[in-house]
Amino acid sequence: MASGLNKVLIIGNVGRDPEMRYTPSGKPVTAFSVAVSRGWTTSSGEKREATEWFNLVAWGNLAEVCNQYLHKGSRVYIEGRLQTRSWDDPEGQRHSRTEVVANEMVMLDSRPGVPGPNGVAGAGEPEEPDYDEEMSF
């Protein structure tokens, strides 16, 4: 069987301070958003810019590092995969959300006290989340 590839690389700015919670089994999970802007010039010479927003989720040790070191406005490199999940709210409404599940994060701001070598966090064996546990932000 041929294997597929689900990989996302993002460089942008954190749009809101990370929110860390714990699953019922005690596993940390952190959610935050990242804005990625791009610019182009139209055929008439007009400069344009557009911003795309990404919802991100980090688990385990990476969740703790993101929560501790990232803040709104931080410039960051994220490597991960896309995931879409669905859930029913208390009123029975079905919701779905596509997000980037981060497995590596590099802080691009020049700040003292960055985690790990060269500000890299999450390198190594990625932690698999427990999808049976409720997680809504």
Protein backbone atom coordinates (compact mmCIF):
# COMPACT_ATOMS: atom_id res chain seq x y z
CA MET A 1 0.00 0.00 0.00
CA ALA A 2 1.30 3.45 -0.89
CA SER A 3 1.59 5.90 1.95
CA GLY A 4 0.41 9.50 1.73
CA LEU A 5 1.83 12.77 2.92
CA ASN A 6 0.11 15.24 5.20
CA LYS A 7 2.59 17.96 6.09
CA VAL A 8 2.09 21.65 6.75
CA LEU A 9 4.84 24.28 7.15
CA ILE A 10 3.81 27.72 8.39
CA ILE A 11 5.75 30.90 9.15
CA GLY A 12 3.64 33.66 10.62
CA ASN A 13 2.60 35.58 13.70
CA VAL A 14 0.69 34.20 16.66
CA GLY A 15 -2.76 35.81 16.55
CA ARG A 16 -3.84 35.22 20.15
CA ASP A 17 -2.16 34.08 23.33
CA PRO A 18 -2.07 30.27 23.53
CA GLU A 19 -4.70 28.57 25.70
CA MET A 20 -3.57 25.42 27.50
CA ARG A 21 -5.96 22.88 28.93
CA TYR A 22 -5.69 19.33 30.13
CA THR A 23 -7.61 16.31 28.88
CA PRO A 24 -9.44 14.21 31.49
CA SER A 25 -6.41 11.89 31.57
CA GLY A 26 -4.11 14.85 32.32
CA LYS A 27 -2.48 15.31 28.90
CA PRO A 28 -1.72 18.99 28.12
CA VAL A 29 -3.13 20.47 24.92
CA THR A 30 -2.57 24.05 23.74
CA ALA A 31 -4.53 25.89 21.07
CA PHE A 32 -3.58 29.13 19.32
CA SER A 33 -3.87 30.80 15.93
CA VAL A 34 -1.24 31.94 13.45
CA ALA A 35 -1.67 34.59 10.76
CA VAL A 36 0.24 34.22 7.50
CA SER A 37 0.28 37.20 5.15
CA ARG A 38 1.25 37.31 1.52
CA GLY A 39 1.60 40.19 -0.86
CA TRP A 40 1.40 40.54 -4.61
CA THR A 41 1.12 43.17 -7.30
CA THR A 42 -1.85 43.14 -9.66
CA SER A 43 -1.43 43.42 -13.43
CA SER A 44 -2.31 47.13 -13.07
CA GLY A 45 0.54 47.63 -10.58
CA GLU A 46 -1.61 47.84 -7.46
CA LYS A 47 -0.08 46.26 -4.37
CA ARG A 48 -2.34 43.84 -2.52
CA GLU A 49 -2.05 41.80 0.67
CA ALA A 50 -4.09 38.94 2.10
CA THR A 51 -3.88 37.18 5.44
CA GLU A 52 -4.77 33.54 6.04
CA TRP A 53 -5.53 32.37 9.59
CA PHE A 54 -4.63 28.90 10.83
CA ASN A 55 -5.90 27.19 13.99
CA LEU A 56 -3.13 25.23 15.69
CA VAL A 57 -3.08 22.54 18.36
CA ALA A 58 -0.03 21.21 20.20
CA TRP A 59 0.01 18.21 22.54
CA GLY A 60 2.19 17.02 25.42
CA ASN A 61 5.57 18.67 26.00
CA LEU A 62 5.20 20.86 22.90
CA ALA A 63 1.87 22.14 24.28
CA GLU A 64 3.61 23.23 27.47
CA VAL A 65 6.47 24.92 25.58
CA CYS A 66 4.07 26.78 23.26
CA ASN A 67 1.99 27.95 26.22
CA GLN A 68 5.06 29.13 28.12
CA TYR A 69 6.98 30.90 25.34
CA LEU A 70 4.51 32.04 22.68
CA HIS A 71 2.35 35.13 22.94
CA LYS A 72 0.25 37.26 20.63
CA GLY A 73 2.52 38.73 17.95
CA SER A 74 5.32 36.15 18.26
CA ARG A 75 6.89 35.23 14.94
CA VAL A 76 6.95 31.44 14.67
CA TYR A 77 7.69 28.51 12.38
CA ILE A 78 5.34 25.55 12.81
CA GLU A 79 5.61 22.12 11.25
CA GLY A 80 2.72 19.70 11.54
CA ARG A 81 -0.20 18.04 9.77
CA LEU A 82 -3.78 18.97 8.90
CA GLN A 83 -6.60 17.36 10.81
CA THR A 84 -10.37 17.85 10.65
CA ARG A 85 -12.44 16.86 13.66
CA SER A 86 -16.15 16.99 14.40
CA TRP A 87 -18.21 17.17 17.58
CA ASP A 88 -21.73 17.86 18.79
CA ASP A 89 -22.32 20.79 21.13
CA PRO A 90 -24.64 20.54 24.15
CA GLU A 91 -27.57 21.74 21.99
CA GLY A 92 -26.96 18.90 19.51
CA GLN A 93 -25.46 21.10 16.77
CA ARG A 94 -22.76 19.40 14.69
CA HIS A 95 -19.48 21.35 14.36
CA SER A 96 -16.28 20.65 12.49
CA ARG A 97 -12.90 22.31 12.51
CA THR A 98 -9.77 21.93 10.43
CA GLU A 99 -6.58 22.63 12.32
CA VAL A 100 -2.84 22.12 12.15
CA VAL A 101 -1.58 19.61 14.71
CA ALA A 102 1.93 20.88 15.44
CA ASN A 103 4.84 18.51 15.95
CA GLU A 104 7.63 21.09 15.80
CA MET A 105 7.86 24.77 16.66
CA VAL A 106 10.71 27.25 16.17
CA MET A 107 10.54 30.72 17.67
CA LEU A 108 11.73 33.25 15.13
CA ASP A 109 11.80 36.28 17.43
CA SER A 110 15.22 37.11 18.82
CA ARG A 111 14.49 36.75 22.53
CA PRO A 112 16.59 35.37 25.34
CA GLY A 113 15.48 32.18 27.04
CA VAL A 114 14.10 30.34 24.01
CA PRO A 115 13.52 26.62 24.55
CA GLY A 116 16.02 24.09 23.28
CA PRO A 117 18.82 24.57 20.76
CA ASN A 118 18.15 27.46 18.39
CA GLY A 119 14.65 27.92 19.81
CA VAL A 120 13.49 24.53 18.48
CA ALA A 121 10.80 22.75 20.43
CA GLY A 122 9.08 19.50 19.72
CA ALA A 123 11.79 17.84 17.67
CA GLY A 124 11.88 14.10 18.06
CA GLU A 125 9.08 11.56 18.31
CA PRO A 126 5.73 13.37 18.02
CA GLU A 127 3.15 12.62 20.69
CA GLU A 128 -0.09 11.15 19.43
CA PRO A 129 -3.18 12.74 20.93
CA ASP A 130 -5.96 10.69 22.44
CA TYR A 131 -8.81 11.53 20.05
CA ASP A 132 -11.42 9.90 22.29
CA GLU A 133 -11.00 12.69 24.84
CA GLU A 134 -13.11 15.83 24.51
CA MET A 135 -11.17 18.86 23.33
CA SER A 136 -12.93 22.03 22.31
CA PHE A 137 -11.56 25.55 22.48
